Amino acid sequence: MSNAVQTGSTAAAGADPVIIKVGKRKRKEIRRLAKGRGRLFSQVLETHATMSRESGEVHGPVFVIVKEKKRKSRRRMGMPW
């Protein structure tokens, strides 16, 4: 479980945006994250809370980057034609 966290500076917004890269995850996990549920959502919250505690500042918008894992292809048993 390695979450990459980046912060950038924007003068217009006043607060730095936070980008959390989660990596490749299954469709089901991504769906739950979008609904605000699941293990992945709690991971993102924990990462953001840890970052806030360490830096002691208020952060701007949080962006979560997740790549969808490729589906395994199903092999069919039967005639080849």
PDB file of N, CA and C in Angstrom:
ATOM      1  N   MET A   1       0.846  -1.159   0.000  1.00  0.00           N
ATOM      2  CA  MET A   1       0.000   0.000   0.000  1.00  0.00           C
ATOM      3  C   MET A   1       0.893   1.224   0.000  1.00  0.00           C
ATOM      4  N   SER A   2       1.242   1.699  -1.185  1.00  0.00           N
ATOM      5  CA  SER A   2       2.065   2.890  -1.254  1.00  0.00           C
ATOM      6  C   SER A   2       1.277   3.986  -1.946  1.00  0.00           C
ATOM      7  N   ASN A   3       0.997   5.021  -1.217  1.00  0.00           N
ATOM      8  CA  ASN A   3       0.268   6.150  -1.766  1.00  0.00           C
ATOM      9  C   ASN A   3       1.256   7.276  -2.025  1.00  0.00           C
ATOM     10  N   ALA A   4       1.298   7.746  -3.243  1.00  0.00           N
ATOM     11  CA  ALA A   4       2.163   8.871  -3.572  1.00  0.00           C
ATOM     12  C   ALA A   4       1.352  10.148  -3.397  1.00  0.00           C
ATOM     13  N   VAL A   5       1.892  11.084  -2.670  1.00  0.00           N
ATOM     14  CA  VAL A   5       1.186  12.333  -2.402  1.00  0.00           C
ATOM     15  C   VAL A   5       2.015  13.484  -2.944  1.00  0.00           C
ATOM     16  N   GLN A   6       1.372  14.354  -3.701  1.00  0.00           N
ATOM     17  CA  GLN A   6       2.045  15.524  -4.241  1.00  0.00           C
ATOM     18  C   GLN A   6       1.247  16.758  -3.869  1.00  0.00           C
ATOM     19  N   THR A   7       1.961  17.835  -3.653  1.00  0.00           N
ATOM     20  CA  THR A   7       1.281  19.109  -3.431  1.00  0.00           C
ATOM     21  C   THR A   7       1.861  20.114  -4.400  1.00  0.00           C
ATOM     22  N   GLY A   8       1.026  20.988  -4.897  1.00  0.00           N
ATOM     23  CA  GLY A   8       1.451  22.039  -5.807  1.00  0.00           C
ATOM     24  C   GLY A   8       1.012  23.368  -5.248  1.00  0.00           C
ATOM     25  N   SER A   9       1.528  24.429  -5.819  1.00  0.00           N
ATOM     26  CA  SER A   9       1.134  25.744  -5.302  1.00  0.00           C
ATOM     27  C   SER A   9       0.379  26.513  -6.377  1.00  0.00           C
ATOM     28  N   THR A  10      -0.726  27.078  -5.971  1.00  0.00           N
ATOM     29  CA  THR A  10      -1.495  27.938  -6.854  1.00  0.00           C
ATOM     30  C   THR A  10      -1.754  29.244  -6.126  1.00  0.00           C
ATOM     31  N   ALA A  11      -1.345  30.315  -6.728  1.00  0.00           N
ATOM     32  CA  ALA A  11      -1.492  31.615  -6.085  1.00  0.00           C
ATOM     33  C   ALA A  11      -2.956  32.057  -6.049  1.00  0.00           C
ATOM     34  N   ALA A  12      -3.719  31.680  -7.075  1.00  0.00           N
ATOM     35  CA  ALA A  12      -5.110  32.127  -7.159  1.00  0.00           C
ATOM     36  C   ALA A  12      -5.999  31.455  -6.116  1.00  0.00           C
ATOM     37  N   ALA A  13      -5.780  30.182  -5.877  1.00  0.00           N
ATOM     38  CA  ALA A  13      -6.652  29.439  -4.972  1.00  0.00           C
ATOM     39  C   ALA A  13      -6.358  29.767  -3.508  1.00  0.00           C
ATOM     40  N   GLY A  14      -5.117  30.079  -3.197  1.00  0.00           N
ATOM     41  CA  GLY A  14      -4.778  30.400  -1.818  1.00  0.00           C
ATOM     42  C   GLY A  14      -4.364  29.196  -1.017  1.00  0.00           C
ATOM     43  N   ALA A  15      -4.804  27.993  -1.401  1.00  0.00           N
ATOM     44  CA  ALA A  15      -4.422  26.770  -0.704  1.00  0.00           C
ATOM     45  C   ALA A  15      -3.869  25.779  -1.726  1.00  0.00           C
ATOM     46  N   ASP A  16      -2.937  24.984  -1.285  1.00  0.00           N
ATOM     47  CA  ASP A  16      -2.306  24.020  -2.177  1.00  0.00           C
ATOM     48  C   ASP A  16      -3.209  22.811  -2.414  1.00  0.00           C
ATOM     49  N   PRO A  17      -3.369  22.412  -3.674  1.00  0.00           N
ATOM     50  CA  PRO A  17      -4.133  21.188  -3.944  1.00  0.00           C
ATOM     51  C   PRO A  17      -3.306  19.965  -3.579  1.00  0.00           C
ATOM     52  N   VAL A  18      -3.978  18.885  -3.234  1.00  0.00           N
ATOM     53  CA  VAL A  18      -3.321  17.641  -2.857  1.00  0.00           C
ATOM     54  C   VAL A  18      -3.691  16.578  -3.875  1.00  0.00           C
ATOM     55  N   ILE A  19      -2.677  15.854  -4.372  1.00  0.00           N
ATOM     56  CA  ILE A  19      -2.915  14.782  -5.330  1.00  0.00           C
ATOM     57  C   ILE A  19      -2.469  13.484  -4.679  1.00  0.00           C
ATOM     58  N   ILE A  20      -3.396  12.540  -4.545  1.00  0.00           N
ATOM     59  CA  ILE A  20      -3.085  11.235  -3.954  1.00  0.00           C
ATOM     60  C   ILE A  20      -3.180  10.187  -5.050  1.00  0.00           C
ATOM     61  N   LYS A  21      -2.049   9.546  -5.362  1.00  0.00           N
ATOM     62  CA  LYS A  21      -2.023   8.483  -6.359  1.00  0.00           C
ATOM     63  C   LYS A  21      -2.132   7.152  -5.640  1.00  0.00           C
ATOM     64  N   VAL A  22      -3.160   6.402  -5.979  1.00  0.00           N
ATOM     65  CA  VAL A  22      -3.438   5.152  -5.289  1.00  0.00           C
ATOM     66  C   VAL A  22      -2.900   3.954  -6.053  1.00  0.00           C
ATOM     67  N   GLY A  23      -2.791   4.051  -7.367  1.00  0.00           N
ATOM     68  CA  GLY A  23      -2.297   2.938  -8.173  1.00  0.00           C
ATOM     69  C   GLY A  23      -3.429   2.199  -8.854  1.00  0.00           C
ATOM     70  N   LYS A  24      -3.150   0.967  -9.267  1.00  0.00           N
ATOM     71  CA  LYS A  24      -4.149   0.165  -9.970  1.00  0.00           C
ATOM     72  C   LYS A  24      -5.051  -0.541  -8.971  1.00  0.00           C
ATOM     73  N   ARG A  25      -6.341  -0.443  -9.195  1.00  0.00           N
ATOM     74  CA  ARG A  25      -7.335  -1.080  -8.329  1.00  0.00           C
ATOM     75  C   ARG A  25      -8.417  -1.712  -9.178  1.00  0.00           C
ATOM     76  N   LYS A  26      -9.191  -2.596  -8.582  1.00  0.00           N
ATOM     77  CA  LYS A  26     -10.291  -3.269  -9.272  1.00  0.00           C
ATOM     78  C   LYS A  26     -11.460  -2.312  -9.450  1.00  0.00           C
ATOM     79  N   ARG A  27     -12.295  -2.615 -10.442  1.00  0.00           N
ATOM     80  CA  ARG A  27     -13.479  -1.785 -10.726  1.00  0.00           C
ATOM     81  C   ARG A  27     -14.368  -1.623  -9.496  1.00  0.00           C
ATOM     82  N   LYS A  28     -14.551  -2.710  -8.775  1.00  0.00           N
ATOM     83  CA  LYS A  28     -15.432  -2.702  -7.610  1.00  0.00           C
ATOM     84  C   LYS A  28     -14.914  -1.721  -6.557  1.00  0.00           C
ATOM     85  N   GLU A  29     -13.598  -1.708  -6.331  1.00  0.00           N
ATOM     86  CA  GLU A  29     -13.006  -0.791  -5.352  1.00  0.00           C
ATOM     87  C   GLU A  29     -13.169   0.660  -5.787  1.00  0.00           C
ATOM     88  N   ILE A  30     -13.016   0.917  -7.080  1.00  0.00           N
ATOM     89  CA  ILE A  30     -13.163   2.272  -7.614  1.00  0.00           C
ATOM     90  C   ILE A  30     -14.603   2.749  -7.458  1.00  0.00           C
ATOM     91  N   ARG A  31     -15.549   1.853  -7.710  1.00  0.00           N
ATOM     92  CA  ARG A  31     -16.964   2.187  -7.566  1.00  0.00           C
ATOM     93  C   ARG A  31     -17.289   2.557  -6.122  1.00  0.00           C
ATOM     94  N   ARG A  32     -16.771   1.773  -5.189  1.00  0.00           N
ATOM     95  CA  ARG A  32     -17.004   2.056  -3.774  1.00  0.00           C
ATOM     96  C   ARG A  32     -16.360   3.378  -3.352  1.00  0.00           C
ATOM     97  N   LEU A  33     -15.170   3.662  -3.883  1.00  0.00           N
ATOM     98  CA  LEU A  33     -14.494   4.925  -3.582  1.00  0.00           C
ATOM     99  C   LEU A  33     -15.331   6.110  -4.044  1.00  0.00           C
ATOM    100  N   ALA A  34     -15.911   6.003  -5.232  1.00  0.00           N
ATOM    101  CA  ALA A  34     -16.744   7.077  -5.770  1.00  0.00           C
ATOM    102  C   ALA A  34     -17.987   7.312  -4.917  1.00  0.00           C
ATOM    103  N   LYS A  35     -18.483   6.258  -4.285  1.00  0.00           N
ATOM    104  CA  LYS A  35     -19.669   6.379  -3.439  1.00  0.00           C
ATOM    105  C   LYS A  35     -19.327   6.769  -2.006  1.00  0.00           C
ATOM    106  N   GLY A  36     -18.029   6.843  -1.699  1.00  0.00           N
ATOM    107  CA  GLY A  36     -17.607   7.234  -0.357  1.00  0.00           C
ATOM    108  C   GLY A  36     -17.635   6.093   0.639  1.00  0.00           C
ATOM    109  N   ARG A  37     -17.403   4.883   0.151  1.00  0.00           N
ATOM    110  CA  ARG A  37     -17.400   3.704   1.017  1.00  0.00           C
ATOM    111  C   ARG A  37     -16.166   2.864   0.717  1.00  0.00           C
ATOM    112  N   GLY A  38     -15.947   1.852   1.497  1.00  0.00           N
ATOM    113  CA  GLY A  38     -14.935   0.847   1.196  1.00  0.00           C
ATOM    114  C   GLY A  38     -13.566   1.108   1.791  1.00  0.00           C
ATOM    115  N   ARG A  39     -12.722   0.110   1.606  1.00  0.00           N
ATOM    116  CA  ARG A  39     -11.370   0.133   2.150  1.00  0.00           C
ATOM    117  C   ARG A  39     -10.514   1.216   1.492  1.00  0.00           C
ATOM    118  N   LEU A  40     -10.666   1.399   0.200  1.00  0.00           N
ATOM    119  CA  LEU A  40      -9.887   2.394  -0.522  1.00  0.00           C
ATOM    120  C   LEU A  40     -10.223   3.810  -0.057  1.00  0.00           C
ATOM    121  N   PHE A  41     -11.499   4.066   0.217  1.00  0.00           N
ATOM    122  CA  PHE A  41     -11.924   5.375   0.709  1.00  0.00           C
ATOM    123  C   PHE A  41     -11.298   5.663   2.068  1.00  0.00           C
ATOM    124  N   SER A  42     -11.289   4.660   2.942  1.00  0.00           N
ATOM    125  CA  SER A  42     -10.685   4.865   4.262  1.00  0.00           C
ATOM    126  C   SER A  42      -9.182   5.063   4.157  1.00  0.00           C
ATOM    127  N   GLN A  43      -8.544   4.423   3.176  1.00  0.00           N
ATOM    128  CA  GLN A  43      -7.111   4.640   2.929  1.00  0.00           C
ATOM    129  C   GLN A  43      -6.832   6.082   2.534  1.00  0.00           C
ATOM    130  N   VAL A  44      -7.651   6.600   1.637  1.00  0.00           N
ATOM    131  CA  VAL A  44      -7.479   7.979   1.174  1.00  0.00           C
ATOM    132  C   VAL A  44      -7.697   8.954   2.330  1.00  0.00           C
ATOM    133  N   LEU A  45      -8.717   8.725   3.135  1.00  0.00           N
ATOM    134  CA  LEU A  45      -8.968   9.592   4.296  1.00  0.00           C
ATOM    135  C   LEU A  45      -7.800   9.549   5.280  1.00  0.00           C
ATOM    136  N   GLU A  46      -7.283   8.360   5.517  1.00  0.00           N
ATOM    137  CA  GLU A  46      -6.170   8.199   6.442  1.00  0.00           C
ATOM    138  C   GLU A  46      -4.915   8.916   5.927  1.00  0.00           C
ATOM    139  N   THR A  47      -4.644   8.788   4.635  1.00  0.00           N
ATOM    140  CA  THR A  47      -3.492   9.454   4.029  1.00  0.00           C
ATOM    141  C   THR A  47      -3.623  10.965   4.143  1.00  0.00           C
ATOM    142  N   HIS A  48      -4.800  11.477   3.864  1.00  0.00           N
ATOM    143  CA  HIS A  48      -5.025  12.921   3.940  1.00  0.00           C
ATOM    144  C   HIS A  48      -4.915  13.418   5.382  1.00  0.00           C
ATOM    145  N   ALA A  49      -5.450  12.667   6.322  1.00  0.00           N
ATOM    146  CA  ALA A  49      -5.371  13.052   7.732  1.00  0.00           C
ATOM    147  C   ALA A  49      -3.926  13.050   8.224  1.00  0.00           C
ATOM    148  N   THR A  50      -3.166  12.047   7.825  1.00  0.00           N
ATOM    149  CA  THR A  50      -1.757  11.963   8.211  1.00  0.00           C
ATOM    150  C   THR A  50      -0.977  13.155   7.662  1.00  0.00           C
ATOM    151  N   MET A  51      -1.259  13.482   6.407  1.00  0.00           N
ATOM    152  CA  MET A  51      -0.590  14.625   5.790  1.00  0.00           C
ATOM    153  C   MET A  51      -0.926  15.920   6.511  1.00  0.00           C
ATOM    154  N   SER A  52      -2.176  16.090   6.866  1.00  0.00           N
ATOM    155  CA  SER A  52      -2.619  17.307   7.550  1.00  0.00           C
ATOM    156  C   SER A  52      -1.971  17.424   8.924  1.00  0.00           C
ATOM    157  N   ARG A  53      -1.849  16.280   9.615  1.00  0.00           N
ATOM    158  CA  ARG A  53      -1.214  16.292  10.945  1.00  0.00           C
ATOM    159  C   ARG A  53       0.256  16.650  10.851  1.00  0.00           C
ATOM    160  N   GLU A  54       0.945  16.092   9.852  1.00  0.00           N
ATOM    161  CA  GLU A  54       2.386  16.328   9.705  1.00  0.00           C
ATOM    162  C   GLU A  54       2.699  17.772   9.350  1.00  0.00           C
ATOM    163  N   SER A  55       1.952  18.315   8.399  1.00  0.00           N
ATOM    164  CA  SER A  55       2.258  19.670   7.941  1.00  0.00           C
ATOM    165  C   SER A  55       1.598  20.742   8.804  1.00  0.00           C
ATOM    166  N   GLY A  56       0.459  20.426   9.387  1.00  0.00           N
ATOM    167  CA  GLY A  56      -0.234  21.375  10.254  1.00  0.00           C
ATOM    168  C   GLY A  56      -0.927  22.501   9.514  1.00  0.00           C
ATOM    169  N   GLU A  57      -1.113  22.353   8.213  1.00  0.00           N
ATOM    170  CA  GLU A  57      -1.796  23.395   7.442  1.00  0.00           C
ATOM    171  C   GLU A  57      -3.106  22.874   6.871  1.00  0.00           C
ATOM    172  N   VAL A  58      -3.923  23.811   6.447  1.00  0.00           N
ATOM    173  CA  VAL A  58      -5.179  23.456   5.781  1.00  0.00           C
ATOM    174  C   VAL A  58      -4.875  23.331   4.296  1.00  0.00           C
ATOM    175  N   HIS A  59      -5.316  22.227   3.703  1.00  0.00           N
ATOM    176  CA  HIS A  59      -5.042  21.977   2.292  1.00  0.00           C
ATOM    177  C   HIS A  59      -6.248  22.320   1.438  1.00  0.00           C
ATOM    178  N   GLY A  60      -5.975  22.558   0.181  1.00  0.00           N
ATOM    179  CA  GLY A  60      -7.020  22.861  -0.789  1.00  0.00           C
ATOM    180  C   GLY A  60      -7.707  21.597  -1.255  1.00  0.00           C
ATOM    181  N   PRO A  61      -8.128  21.579  -2.496  1.00  0.00           N
ATOM    182  CA  PRO A  61      -8.853  20.420  -3.025  1.00  0.00           C
ATOM    183  C   PRO A  61      -7.984  19.161  -3.068  1.00  0.00           C
ATOM    184  N   VAL A  62      -8.629  18.016  -2.895  1.00  0.00           N
ATOM    185  CA  VAL A  62      -7.931  16.731  -2.912  1.00  0.00           C
ATOM    186  C   VAL A  62      -8.321  15.992  -4.182  1.00  0.00           C
ATOM    187  N   PHE A  63      -7.317  15.572  -4.945  1.00  0.00           N
ATOM    188  CA  PHE A  63      -7.542  14.806  -6.167  1.00  0.00           C
ATOM    189  C   PHE A  63      -7.001  13.407  -5.945  1.00  0.00           C
ATOM    190  N   VAL A  64      -7.813  12.404  -6.259  1.00  0.00           N
ATOM    191  CA  VAL A  64      -7.396  11.015  -6.099  1.00  0.00           C
ATOM    192  C   VAL A  64      -7.266  10.411  -7.486  1.00  0.00           C
ATOM    193  N   ILE A  65      -6.090   9.869  -7.789  1.00  0.00           N
ATOM    194  CA  ILE A  65      -5.837   9.263  -9.093  1.00  0.00           C
ATOM    195  C   ILE A  65      -5.772   7.752  -8.920  1.00  0.00           C
ATOM    196  N   VAL A  66      -6.669   7.050  -9.636  1.00  0.00           N
ATOM    197  CA  VAL A  66      -6.745   5.593  -9.556  1.00  0.00           C
ATOM    198  C   VAL A  66      -6.787   5.049 -10.974  1.00  0.00           C
ATOM    199  N   LYS A  67      -5.975   4.049 -11.253  1.00  0.00           N
ATOM    200  CA  LYS A  67      -6.022   3.378 -12.549  1.00  0.00           C
ATOM    201  C   LYS A  67      -6.801   2.086 -12.384  1.00  0.00           C
ATOM    202  N   GLU A  68      -7.620   1.781 -13.391  1.00  0.00           N
ATOM    203  CA  GLU A  68      -8.415   0.556 -13.339  1.00  0.00           C
ATOM    204  C   GLU A  68      -7.574  -0.610 -13.819  1.00  0.00           C
ATOM    205  N   LYS A  69      -7.619  -1.709 -13.057  1.00  0.00           N
ATOM    206  CA  LYS A  69      -6.897  -2.915 -13.456  1.00  0.00           C
ATOM    207  C   LYS A  69      -7.534  -3.514 -14.691  1.00  0.00           C
ATOM    208  N   LYS A  70      -6.722  -4.145 -15.524  1.00  0.00           N
ATOM    209  CA  LYS A  70      -7.250  -4.844 -16.674  1.00  0.00           C
ATOM    210  C   LYS A  70      -8.013  -6.069 -16.220  1.00  0.00           C
ATOM    211  N   ARG A  71      -9.107  -6.340 -16.886  1.00  0.00           N
ATOM    212  CA  ARG A  71      -9.879  -7.541 -16.569  1.00  0.00           C
ATOM    213  C   ARG A  71      -9.160  -8.771 -17.105  1.00  0.00           C
ATOM    214  N   LYS A  72      -9.257  -9.851 -16.367  1.00  0.00           N
ATOM    215  CA  LYS A  72      -8.702 -11.113 -16.853  1.00  0.00           C
ATOM    216  C   LYS A  72      -9.606 -11.634 -17.948  1.00  0.00           C
ATOM    217  N   SER A  73      -8.998 -12.132 -19.020  1.00  0.00           N
ATOM    218  CA  SER A  73      -9.827 -12.666 -20.105  1.00  0.00           C
ATOM    219  C   SER A  73     -10.279 -14.065 -19.735  1.00  0.00           C
ATOM    220  N   ARG A  74     -11.500 -14.342 -20.044  1.00  0.00           N
ATOM    221  CA  ARG A  74     -12.057 -15.659 -19.746  1.00  0.00           C
ATOM    222  C   ARG A  74     -11.850 -16.573 -20.944  1.00  0.00           C
ATOM    223  N   ARG A  75     -11.283 -17.693 -20.688  1.00  0.00           N
ATOM    224  CA  ARG A  75     -11.076 -18.648 -21.770  1.00  0.00           C
ATOM    225  C   ARG A  75     -12.278 -19.577 -21.842  1.00  0.00           C
ATOM    226  N   ARG A  76     -12.737 -19.772 -23.020  1.00  0.00           N
ATOM    227  CA  ARG A  76     -13.884 -20.652 -23.221  1.00  0.00           C
ATOM    228  C   ARG A  76     -13.423 -22.058 -23.536  1.00  0.00           C
ATOM    229  N   MET A  77     -14.141 -22.989 -22.989  1.00  0.00           N
ATOM    230  CA  MET A  77     -13.880 -24.392 -23.320  1.00  0.00           C
ATOM    231  C   MET A  77     -14.887 -24.778 -24.387  1.00  0.00           C
ATOM    232  N   GLY A  78     -14.438 -25.427 -25.398  1.00  0.00           N
ATOM    233  CA  GLY A  78     -15.375 -25.848 -26.434  1.00  0.00           C
ATOM    234  C   GLY A  78     -14.733 -25.914 -27.791  1.00  0.00           C
ATOM    235  N   MET A  79     -15.551 -25.874 -28.785  1.00  0.00           N
ATOM    236  CA  MET A  79     -15.062 -25.995 -30.154  1.00  0.00           C
ATOM    237  C   MET A  79     -14.366 -24.703 -30.595  1.00  0.00           C
ATOM    238  N   PRO A  80     -13.267 -24.823 -31.331  1.00  0.00           N
ATOM    239  CA  PRO A  80     -12.514 -23.640 -31.750  1.00  0.00           C
ATOM    240  C   PRO A  80     -13.121 -22.852 -32.900  1.00  0.00           C
ATOM    241  N   TRP A  81     -14.218 -23.276 -33.461  1.00  0.00           N
ATOM    242  CA  TRP A  81     -14.821 -22.544 -34.593  1.00  0.00           C
ATOM    243  C   TRP A  81     -16.016 -21.797 -34.246  1.00  0.00           C
TER     244      TRP A  81
END
